Protein backbone atom coordinates (compact mmCIF):
# COMPACT_ATOMS: atom_id res chain seq x y z
CA MET A 1 -47.74 105.90 113.28
CA ILE A 2 -49.68 103.53 115.34
CA ASP A 3 -52.07 103.94 116.82
CA THR A 4 -52.91 103.94 120.62
CA ASN A 5 -55.54 100.98 120.80
CA THR A 6 -52.75 98.85 118.73
CA LEU A 7 -50.61 100.03 121.40
CA ASN A 8 -52.74 99.81 124.34
CA ASP A 9 -53.99 95.79 122.80
CA LEU A 10 -49.96 94.57 122.95
CA THR A 11 -49.64 96.03 126.13
CA GLU A 12 -52.30 94.19 127.48
CA LYS A 13 -51.60 91.05 125.78
CA LEU A 14 -47.88 91.07 127.04
CA SER A 15 -48.89 91.65 130.60
CA ARG A 16 -51.04 88.69 130.15
CA LEU A 17 -47.91 86.34 130.44
CA LEU A 18 -47.19 87.74 133.40
CA PRO A 19 -47.59 85.94 136.59
CA ALA A 20 -50.73 87.40 138.70
CA ASP A 21 -48.55 87.48 141.65
CA LEU A 22 -46.42 90.55 140.70
CA GLY A 23 -49.07 92.41 142.31
CA ILE A 24 -47.99 96.46 142.10
CA LEU A 25 -44.54 95.58 140.54
CA LYS A 26 -46.88 93.84 137.48
CA LYS A 27 -48.75 97.88 136.76
CA ASP A 28 -44.92 98.97 136.82
CA LEU A 29 -44.08 96.60 134.35
CA GLU A 30 -47.02 97.02 132.04
CA LYS A 31 -46.01 101.01 131.96
CA ASN A 32 -41.89 100.12 131.12
CA ILE A 33 -43.98 97.61 128.86
CA ARG A 34 -46.03 100.13 127.22
CA ALA A 35 -42.69 103.15 127.03
CA VAL A 36 -40.71 100.42 124.91
CA LEU A 37 -43.21 99.30 122.54
CA HIS A 38 -43.74 103.25 121.92
CA SER A 39 -40.33 104.11 121.38
CA THR A 40 -39.70 101.22 119.33
CA PHE A 41 -42.97 101.94 117.02
CA GLN A 42 -41.79 105.04 116.40
CA LYS A 43 -37.51 103.90 115.54
CA LEU A 44 -39.91 101.66 113.57
CA ASP A 45 -41.50 104.86 111.44
CA LEU A 46 -44.77 103.36 110.42
CA VAL A 47 -47.45 104.14 109.50
CA THR A 48 -51.33 103.17 109.82
CA ARG A 49 -53.57 101.09 107.01
CA GLU A 50 -55.24 104.05 106.64
CA GLU A 51 -52.43 105.50 105.62
CA PHE A 52 -51.04 103.46 103.06
CA ASP A 53 -53.80 102.72 101.80
CA VAL A 54 -54.46 106.06 101.15
CA GLN A 55 -51.07 106.76 99.30
CA SER A 56 -52.01 103.24 97.63
CA GLU A 57 -55.04 104.72 95.83
CA LEU A 58 -52.59 108.24 95.09
CA LEU A 59 -50.32 105.73 94.00
CA ILE A 60 -52.93 104.50 91.23
CA ARG A 61 -54.43 107.72 89.97
CA THR A 62 -50.79 108.80 90.00
CA ARG A 63 -49.85 106.05 87.17
CA GLU A 64 -53.23 105.87 85.47
CA LYS A 65 -52.25 109.77 84.40
CA LEU A 66 -48.43 109.18 83.68
CA GLU A 67 -49.82 106.11 81.39
CA ALA A 68 -52.60 108.84 80.15
CA LEU A 69 -49.65 111.20 79.25
CA GLU A 70 -47.65 109.03 77.62
CA LYS A 71 -50.63 108.29 75.43
CA GLN A 72 -50.95 111.69 74.46
CA LEU A 73 -47.20 112.12 74.04
CA THR A 74 -46.93 108.81 71.56
CA ARG A 75 -49.87 110.79 69.34
CA LEU A 76 -48.70 114.15 69.22
CA GLU A 77 -44.53 112.89 67.98
CA GLN A 78 -46.97 110.32 65.23
CA ALA A 79 -48.98 113.96 64.29
CA ARG A 80 -45.72 115.17 64.19
CA ARG A 81 -43.44 113.32 62.08
CA LYS A 82 -46.66 113.08 59.39
CA SER A 83 -46.87 116.56 59.15
CA LYS A 84 -43.08 116.21 58.18
């Protein structure tokens, strides 16, 4: 999920594109922009960079363990064949 700071930054950038003479409407538009962005990001099911990095590291460690287990299995199979 996208963090509040990112959402606020995007809202601010978009609101700067609006004409300054909108006055009170500008605040309402900012609220609506924030709500639309928030809703859209929730539907996209995004993850933060930190969550992505954690999962990437977990995947790397899991792959390393799998490779080690495959090597161990190969050695055991070879040892079993030799003992027959």
